[in-house]
Amino acid sequence: MINKYIVPILGIKLPNRSIEVSELYYDAQIKSTLQGHIDLRFETMLQRCKIPNMGVHNAVNDAIMTAMIYLKLTKK
């Protein structure tokens, strides 16, 4: 998301590796989903991963919840 705004300004992408949590979630869910449809909504990922919803979406809360989903999916 940040690269979308950085590239037009600086002409380069950030060197940091990006991780798409919804892709990790999809890969984990596809193994147990028979019909192939996986709900990738943020709220659904929180519920399925048993992560508490910290309320109103803002950058800090979303980052914390996303990090908790990542840790749950990677079991770190």
PDB file of N, CA and C in Angstrom:
ATOM      1  N   MET A   1       0.830  -1.189   0.000  1.00  0.00           N
ATOM      2  CA  MET A   1       0.000   0.000   0.000  1.00  0.00           C
ATOM      3  C   MET A   1       0.874   1.254   0.000  1.00  0.00           C
ATOM      4  N   ILE A   2       1.930   1.226   0.797  1.00  0.00           N
ATOM      5  CA  ILE A   2       2.807   2.397   0.883  1.00  0.00           C
ATOM      6  C   ILE A   2       3.499   2.645  -0.450  1.00  0.00           C
ATOM      7  N   ASN A   3       3.923   1.553  -1.114  1.00  0.00           N
ATOM      8  CA  ASN A   3       4.604   1.707  -2.402  1.00  0.00           C
ATOM      9  C   ASN A   3       3.734   2.419  -3.432  1.00  0.00           C
ATOM     10  N   LYS A   4       2.427   2.248  -3.326  1.00  0.00           N
ATOM     11  CA  LYS A   4       1.498   2.910  -4.239  1.00  0.00           C
ATOM     12  C   LYS A   4       1.701   4.424  -4.214  1.00  0.00           C
ATOM     13  N   TYR A   5       2.023   4.969  -3.036  1.00  0.00           N
ATOM     14  CA  TYR A   5       2.202   6.404  -2.877  1.00  0.00           C
ATOM     15  C   TYR A   5       3.665   6.838  -2.955  1.00  0.00           C
ATOM     16  N   ILE A   6       4.573   5.936  -2.629  1.00  0.00           N
ATOM     17  CA  ILE A   6       6.006   6.256  -2.640  1.00  0.00           C
ATOM     18  C   ILE A   6       6.572   6.316  -4.060  1.00  0.00           C
ATOM     19  N   VAL A   7       6.191   5.359  -4.896  1.00  0.00           N
ATOM     20  CA  VAL A   7       6.759   5.276  -6.249  1.00  0.00           C
ATOM     21  C   VAL A   7       6.550   6.561  -7.054  1.00  0.00           C
ATOM     22  N   PRO A   8       5.355   7.148  -7.078  1.00  0.00           N
ATOM     23  CA  PRO A   8       5.193   8.395  -7.843  1.00  0.00           C
ATOM     24  C   PRO A   8       6.049   9.554  -7.311  1.00  0.00           C
ATOM     25  N   ILE A   9       6.315   9.549  -6.021  1.00  0.00           N
ATOM     26  CA  ILE A   9       7.084  10.638  -5.419  1.00  0.00           C
ATOM     27  C   ILE A   9       8.588  10.419  -5.566  1.00  0.00           C
ATOM     28  N   LEU A  10       9.053   9.223  -5.190  1.00  0.00           N
ATOM     29  CA  LEU A  10      10.481   8.938  -5.179  1.00  0.00           C
ATOM     30  C   LEU A  10      10.982   8.185  -6.411  1.00  0.00           C
ATOM     31  N   GLY A  11      10.055   7.518  -7.093  1.00  0.00           N
ATOM     32  CA  GLY A  11      10.443   6.746  -8.272  1.00  0.00           C
ATOM     33  C   GLY A  11      10.989   5.365  -7.943  1.00  0.00           C
ATOM     34  N   ILE A  12      10.946   4.973  -6.675  1.00  0.00           N
ATOM     35  CA  ILE A  12      11.421   3.649  -6.262  1.00  0.00           C
ATOM     36  C   ILE A  12      10.453   3.042  -5.258  1.00  0.00           C
ATOM     37  N   LYS A  13      10.517   1.708  -5.125  1.00  0.00           N
ATOM     38  CA  LYS A  13       9.738   1.016  -4.100  1.00  0.00           C
ATOM     39  C   LYS A  13      10.595   0.873  -2.853  1.00  0.00           C
ATOM     40  N   LEU A  14       9.946   0.698  -1.733  1.00  0.00           N
ATOM     41  CA  LEU A  14      10.662   0.430  -0.497  1.00  0.00           C
ATOM     42  C   LEU A  14      11.314  -0.953  -0.593  1.00  0.00           C
ATOM     43  N   PRO A  15      12.495  -1.127  -0.029  1.00  0.00           N
ATOM     44  CA  PRO A  15      13.194  -2.412  -0.144  1.00  0.00           C
ATOM     45  C   PRO A  15      12.655  -3.489   0.797  1.00  0.00           C
ATOM     46  N   ASN A  16      11.755  -3.119   1.677  1.00  0.00           N
ATOM     47  CA  ASN A  16      11.234  -4.085   2.647  1.00  0.00           C
ATOM     48  C   ASN A  16      10.430  -5.172   1.960  1.00  0.00           C
ATOM     49  N   ARG A  17      10.565  -6.386   2.471  1.00  0.00           N
ATOM     50  CA  ARG A  17       9.766  -7.506   1.986  1.00  0.00           C
ATOM     51  C   ARG A  17       8.326  -7.313   2.456  1.00  0.00           C
ATOM     52  N   SER A  18       7.374  -7.531   1.576  1.00  0.00           N
ATOM     53  CA  SER A  18       5.977  -7.404   1.984  1.00  0.00           C
ATOM     54  C   SER A  18       5.371  -8.792   2.170  1.00  0.00           C
ATOM     55  N   ILE A  19       4.467  -8.894   3.126  1.00  0.00           N
ATOM     56  CA  ILE A  19       3.787 -10.149   3.415  1.00  0.00           C
ATOM     57  C   ILE A  19       2.296  -9.880   3.349  1.00  0.00           C
ATOM     58  N   GLU A  20       1.597 -10.633   2.541  1.00  0.00           N
ATOM     59  CA  GLU A  20       0.147 -10.482   2.424  1.00  0.00           C
ATOM     60  C   GLU A  20      -0.513 -11.481   3.363  1.00  0.00           C
ATOM     61  N   VAL A  21      -1.041 -10.972   4.469  1.00  0.00           N
ATOM     62  CA  VAL A  21      -1.639 -11.829   5.488  1.00  0.00           C
ATOM     63  C   VAL A  21      -2.849 -12.579   4.935  1.00  0.00           C
ATOM     64  N   SER A  22      -3.606 -11.950   4.065  1.00  0.00           N
ATOM     65  CA  SER A  22      -4.781 -12.645   3.508  1.00  0.00           C
ATOM     66  C   SER A  22      -4.346 -13.844   2.659  1.00  0.00           C
ATOM     67  N   GLU A  23      -3.186 -13.786   2.058  1.00  0.00           N
ATOM     68  CA  GLU A  23      -2.667 -14.928   1.292  1.00  0.00           C
ATOM     69  C   GLU A  23      -2.291 -16.074   2.238  1.00  0.00           C
ATOM     70  N   LEU A  24      -1.661 -15.742   3.363  1.00  0.00           N
ATOM     71  CA  LEU A  24      -1.344 -16.763   4.368  1.00  0.00           C
ATOM     72  C   LEU A  24      -2.626 -17.403   4.903  1.00  0.00           C
ATOM     73  N   TYR A  25      -3.617 -16.565   5.167  1.00  0.00           N
ATOM     74  CA  TYR A  25      -4.899 -17.047   5.665  1.00  0.00           C
ATOM     75  C   TYR A  25      -5.561 -17.956   4.629  1.00  0.00           C
ATOM     76  N   TYR A  26      -5.557 -17.526   3.376  1.00  0.00           N
ATOM     77  CA  TYR A  26      -6.155 -18.325   2.299  1.00  0.00           C
ATOM     78  C   TYR A  26      -5.486 -19.697   2.229  1.00  0.00           C
ATOM     79  N   ASP A  27      -4.158 -19.707   2.229  1.00  0.00           N
ATOM     80  CA  ASP A  27      -3.426 -20.970   2.151  1.00  0.00           C
ATOM     81  C   ASP A  27      -3.766 -21.898   3.315  1.00  0.00           C
ATOM     82  N   ALA A  28      -3.952 -21.334   4.503  1.00  0.00           N
ATOM     83  CA  ALA A  28      -4.305 -22.139   5.671  1.00  0.00           C
ATOM     84  C   ALA A  28      -5.737 -22.663   5.570  1.00  0.00           C
ATOM     85  N   GLN A  29      -6.645 -21.863   5.032  1.00  0.00           N
ATOM     86  CA  GLN A  29      -8.058 -22.239   4.963  1.00  0.00           C
ATOM     87  C   GLN A  29      -8.372 -23.195   3.824  1.00  0.00           C
ATOM     88  N   ILE A  30      -7.641 -23.102   2.719  1.00  0.00           N
ATOM     89  CA  ILE A  30      -7.967 -23.910   1.537  1.00  0.00           C
ATOM     90  C   ILE A  30      -7.848 -25.405   1.829  1.00  0.00           C
ATOM     91  N   LYS A  31      -7.001 -25.751   2.785  1.00  0.00           N
ATOM     92  CA  LYS A  31      -6.810 -27.156   3.150  1.00  0.00           C
ATOM     93  C   LYS A  31      -8.056 -27.762   3.780  1.00  0.00           C
ATOM     94  N   SER A  32      -8.851 -26.932   4.452  1.00  0.00           N
ATOM     95  CA  SER A  32     -10.025 -27.449   5.151  1.00  0.00           C
ATOM     96  C   SER A  32     -11.347 -26.982   4.547  1.00  0.00           C
ATOM     97  N   THR A  33     -11.301 -26.335   3.399  1.00  0.00           N
ATOM     98  CA  THR A  33     -12.516 -25.816   2.773  1.00  0.00           C
ATOM     99  C   THR A  33     -12.849 -26.666   1.553  1.00  0.00           C
ATOM    100  N   LEU A  34     -13.992 -27.313   1.599  1.00  0.00           N
ATOM    101  CA  LEU A  34     -14.374 -28.212   0.515  1.00  0.00           C
ATOM    102  C   LEU A  34     -14.857 -27.477  -0.730  1.00  0.00           C
ATOM    103  N   GLN A  35     -15.669 -26.458  -0.559  1.00  0.00           N
ATOM    104  CA  GLN A  35     -16.281 -25.798  -1.697  1.00  0.00           C
ATOM    105  C   GLN A  35     -15.365 -24.790  -2.379  1.00  0.00           C
ATOM    106  N   GLY A  36     -14.241 -24.436  -1.790  1.00  0.00           N
ATOM    107  CA  GLY A  36     -13.285 -23.541  -2.433  1.00  0.00           C
ATOM    108  C   GLY A  36     -13.512 -22.066  -2.227  1.00  0.00           C
ATOM    109  N   HIS A  37     -14.649 -21.662  -1.638  1.00  0.00           N
ATOM    110  CA  HIS A  37     -14.880 -20.233  -1.383  1.00  0.00           C
ATOM    111  C   HIS A  37     -14.375 -19.894   0.009  1.00  0.00           C
ATOM    112  N   ILE A  38     -13.470 -18.936   0.064  1.00  0.00           N
ATOM    113  CA  ILE A  38     -12.906 -18.524   1.348  1.00  0.00           C
ATOM    114  C   ILE A  38     -13.165 -17.040   1.537  1.00  0.00           C
ATOM    115  N   ASP A  39     -13.790 -16.711   2.645  1.00  0.00           N
ATOM    116  CA  ASP A  39     -14.120 -15.326   2.974  1.00  0.00           C
ATOM    117  C   ASP A  39     -12.864 -14.634   3.495  1.00  0.00           C
ATOM    118  N   LEU A  40     -12.368 -13.639   2.756  1.00  0.00           N
ATOM    119  CA  LEU A  40     -11.137 -12.950   3.115  1.00  0.00           C
ATOM    120  C   LEU A  40     -11.380 -11.598   3.782  1.00  0.00           C
ATOM    121  N   ARG A  41     -12.597 -11.364   4.240  1.00  0.00           N
ATOM    122  CA  ARG A  41     -12.854 -10.108   4.952  1.00  0.00           C
ATOM    123  C   ARG A  41     -12.066 -10.086   6.257  1.00  0.00           C
ATOM    124  N   PHE A  42     -11.585  -8.916   6.618  1.00  0.00           N
ATOM    125  CA  PHE A  42     -10.757  -8.752   7.808  1.00  0.00           C
ATOM    126  C   PHE A  42     -11.466  -9.271   9.051  1.00  0.00           C
ATOM    127  N   GLU A  43     -12.730  -8.947   9.207  1.00  0.00           N
ATOM    128  CA  GLU A  43     -13.500  -9.372  10.368  1.00  0.00           C
ATOM    129  C   GLU A  43     -13.590 -10.892  10.434  1.00  0.00           C
ATOM    130  N   THR A  44     -13.747 -11.523   9.285  1.00  0.00           N
ATOM    131  CA  THR A  44     -13.820 -12.987   9.235  1.00  0.00           C
ATOM    132  C   THR A  44     -12.486 -13.602   9.649  1.00  0.00           C
ATOM    133  N   MET A  45     -11.387 -13.029   9.159  1.00  0.00           N
ATOM    134  CA  MET A  45     -10.073 -13.547   9.540  1.00  0.00           C
ATOM    135  C   MET A  45      -9.865 -13.406  11.045  1.00  0.00           C
ATOM    136  N   LEU A  46     -10.286 -12.280  11.617  1.00  0.00           N
ATOM    137  CA  LEU A  46     -10.169 -12.093  13.059  1.00  0.00           C
ATOM    138  C   LEU A  46     -10.947 -13.167  13.816  1.00  0.00           C
ATOM    139  N   GLN A  47     -12.188 -13.388  13.407  1.00  0.00           N
ATOM    140  CA  GLN A  47     -13.034 -14.372  14.085  1.00  0.00           C
ATOM    141  C   GLN A  47     -12.461 -15.772  13.975  1.00  0.00           C
ATOM    142  N   ARG A  48     -12.085 -16.172  12.766  1.00  0.00           N
ATOM    143  CA  ARG A  48     -11.569 -17.528  12.546  1.00  0.00           C
ATOM    144  C   ARG A  48     -10.245 -17.774  13.258  1.00  0.00           C
ATOM    145  N   CYS A  49      -9.445 -16.731  13.400  1.00  0.00           N
ATOM    146  CA  CYS A  49      -8.150 -16.861  14.089  1.00  0.00           C
ATOM    147  C   CYS A  49      -8.265 -16.611  15.588  1.00  0.00           C
ATOM    148  N   LYS A  50      -9.504 -16.307  16.024  1.00  0.00           N
ATOM    149  CA  LYS A  50      -9.776 -16.025  17.440  1.00  0.00           C
ATOM    150  C   LYS A  50      -8.925 -14.868  17.962  1.00  0.00           C
ATOM    151  N   ILE A  51      -8.879 -13.810  17.170  1.00  0.00           N
ATOM    152  CA  ILE A  51      -8.170 -12.586  17.523  1.00  0.00           C
ATOM    153  C   ILE A  51      -9.209 -11.557  17.946  1.00  0.00           C
ATOM    154  N   PRO A  52      -9.014 -10.889  19.078  1.00  0.00           N
ATOM    155  CA  PRO A  52     -10.002  -9.892  19.511  1.00  0.00           C
ATOM    156  C   PRO A  52     -10.051  -8.695  18.560  1.00  0.00           C
ATOM    157  N   ASN A  53     -11.257  -8.250  18.271  1.00  0.00           N
ATOM    158  CA  ASN A  53     -11.446  -7.070  17.444  1.00  0.00           C
ATOM    159  C   ASN A  53     -11.273  -5.850  18.337  1.00  0.00           C
ATOM    160  N   MET A  54     -10.307  -5.008  17.997  1.00  0.00           N
ATOM    161  CA  MET A  54      -9.976  -3.851  18.839  1.00  0.00           C
ATOM    162  C   MET A  54     -10.853  -2.647  18.547  1.00  0.00           C
ATOM    163  N   GLY A  55     -11.929  -2.857  17.810  1.00  0.00           N
ATOM    164  CA  GLY A  55     -12.878  -1.776  17.602  1.00  0.00           C
ATOM    165  C   GLY A  55     -12.665  -1.010  16.312  1.00  0.00           C
ATOM    166  N   VAL A  56     -12.988   0.277  16.380  1.00  0.00           N
ATOM    167  CA  VAL A  56     -12.969   1.154  15.215  1.00  0.00           C
ATOM    168  C   VAL A  56     -11.646   1.030  14.474  1.00  0.00           C
ATOM    169  N   HIS A  57     -11.754   0.893  13.160  1.00  0.00           N
ATOM    170  CA  HIS A  57     -10.556   0.742  12.339  1.00  0.00           C
ATOM    171  C   HIS A  57      -9.747   2.035  12.313  1.00  0.00           C
ATOM    172  N   ASN A  58      -8.505   1.920  12.704  1.00  0.00           N
ATOM    173  CA  ASN A  58      -7.539   2.991  12.526  1.00  0.00           C
ATOM    174  C   ASN A  58      -6.189   2.322  12.264  1.00  0.00           C
ATOM    175  N   ALA A  59      -5.201   3.070  11.878  1.00  0.00           N
ATOM    176  CA  ALA A  59      -3.931   2.493  11.447  1.00  0.00           C
ATOM    177  C   ALA A  59      -3.269   1.643  12.537  1.00  0.00           C
ATOM    178  N   VAL A  60      -3.271   2.134  13.755  1.00  0.00           N
ATOM    179  CA  VAL A  60      -2.593   1.407  14.839  1.00  0.00           C
ATOM    180  C   VAL A  60      -3.325   0.107  15.161  1.00  0.00           C
ATOM    181  N   ASN A  61      -4.635   0.182  15.376  1.00  0.00           N
ATOM    182  CA  ASN A  61      -5.400  -1.025  15.700  1.00  0.00           C
ATOM    183  C   ASN A  61      -5.332  -2.049  14.572  1.00  0.00           C
ATOM    184  N   ASP A  62      -5.482  -1.609  13.339  1.00  0.00           N
ATOM    185  CA  ASP A  62      -5.418  -2.530  12.208  1.00  0.00           C
ATOM    186  C   ASP A  62      -4.049  -3.196  12.114  1.00  0.00           C
ATOM    187  N   ALA A  63      -2.983  -2.446  12.361  1.00  0.00           N
ATOM    188  CA  ALA A  63      -1.629  -3.009  12.318  1.00  0.00           C
ATOM    189  C   ALA A  63      -1.441  -4.052  13.419  1.00  0.00           C
ATOM    190  N   ILE A  64      -1.941  -3.761  14.616  1.00  0.00           N
ATOM    191  CA  ILE A  64      -1.817  -4.710  15.730  1.00  0.00           C
ATOM    192  C   ILE A  64      -2.614  -5.979  15.440  1.00  0.00           C
ATOM    193  N   MET A  65      -3.858  -5.824  14.985  1.00  0.00           N
ATOM    194  CA  MET A  65      -4.687  -6.997  14.697  1.00  0.00           C
ATOM    195  C   MET A  65      -4.093  -7.816  13.556  1.00  0.00           C
ATOM    196  N   THR A  66      -3.572  -7.143  12.537  1.00  0.00           N
ATOM    197  CA  THR A  66      -2.950  -7.844  11.415  1.00  0.00           C
ATOM    198  C   THR A  66      -1.722  -8.608  11.888  1.00  0.00           C
ATOM    199  N   ALA A  67      -0.920  -7.988  12.756  1.00  0.00           N
ATOM    200  CA  ALA A  67       0.258  -8.664  13.301  1.00  0.00           C
ATOM    201  C   ALA A  67      -0.153  -9.899  14.099  1.00  0.00           C
ATOM    202  N   MET A  68      -1.245  -9.798  14.855  1.00  0.00           N
ATOM    203  CA  MET A  68      -1.703 -10.949  15.638  1.00  0.00           C
ATOM    204  C   MET A  68      -2.192 -12.073  14.724  1.00  0.00           C
ATOM    205  N   ILE A  69      -2.864 -11.718  13.624  1.00  0.00           N
ATOM    206  CA  ILE A  69      -3.280 -12.738  12.652  1.00  0.00           C
ATOM    207  C   ILE A  69      -2.039 -13.407  12.065  1.00  0.00           C
ATOM    208  N   TYR A  70      -1.046 -12.614  11.700  1.00  0.00           N
ATOM    209  CA  TYR A  70       0.192 -13.151  11.130  1.00  0.00           C
ATOM    210  C   TYR A  70       0.841 -14.132  12.107  1.00  0.00           C
ATOM    211  N   LEU A  71       0.963 -13.717  13.366  1.00  0.00           N
ATOM    212  CA  LEU A  71       1.581 -14.596  14.358  1.00  0.00           C
ATOM    213  C   LEU A  71       0.797 -15.889  14.547  1.00  0.00           C
ATOM    214  N   LYS A  72      -0.504 -15.785  14.537  1.00  0.00           N
ATOM    215  CA  LYS A  72      -1.349 -16.977  14.686  1.00  0.00           C
ATOM    216  C   LYS A  72      -1.166 -17.927  13.499  1.00  0.00           C
ATOM    217  N   LEU A  73      -1.124 -17.364  12.296  1.00  0.00           N
ATOM    218  CA  LEU A  73      -0.997 -18.187  11.092  1.00  0.00           C
ATOM    219  C   LEU A  73       0.396 -18.794  10.931  1.00  0.00           C
ATOM    220  N   THR A  74       1.393 -18.115  11.434  1.00  0.00           N
ATOM    221  CA  THR A  74       2.760 -18.637  11.315  1.00  0.00           C
ATOM    222  C   THR A  74       3.210 -19.321  12.596  1.00  0.00           C
ATOM    223  N   LYS A  75       2.340 -19.297  13.611  1.00  0.00           N
ATOM    224  CA  LYS A  75       2.588 -19.931  14.908  1.00  0.00           C
ATOM    225  C   LYS A  75       3.900 -19.481  15.537  1.00  0.00           C
ATOM    226  N   LYS A  76       4.145 -18.165  15.444  1.00  0.00           N
ATOM    227  CA  LYS A  76       5.356 -17.607  16.069  1.00  0.00           C
ATOM    228  C   LYS A  76       5.015 -16.982  17.391  1.00  0.00           C
TER     229      LYS A  76
END
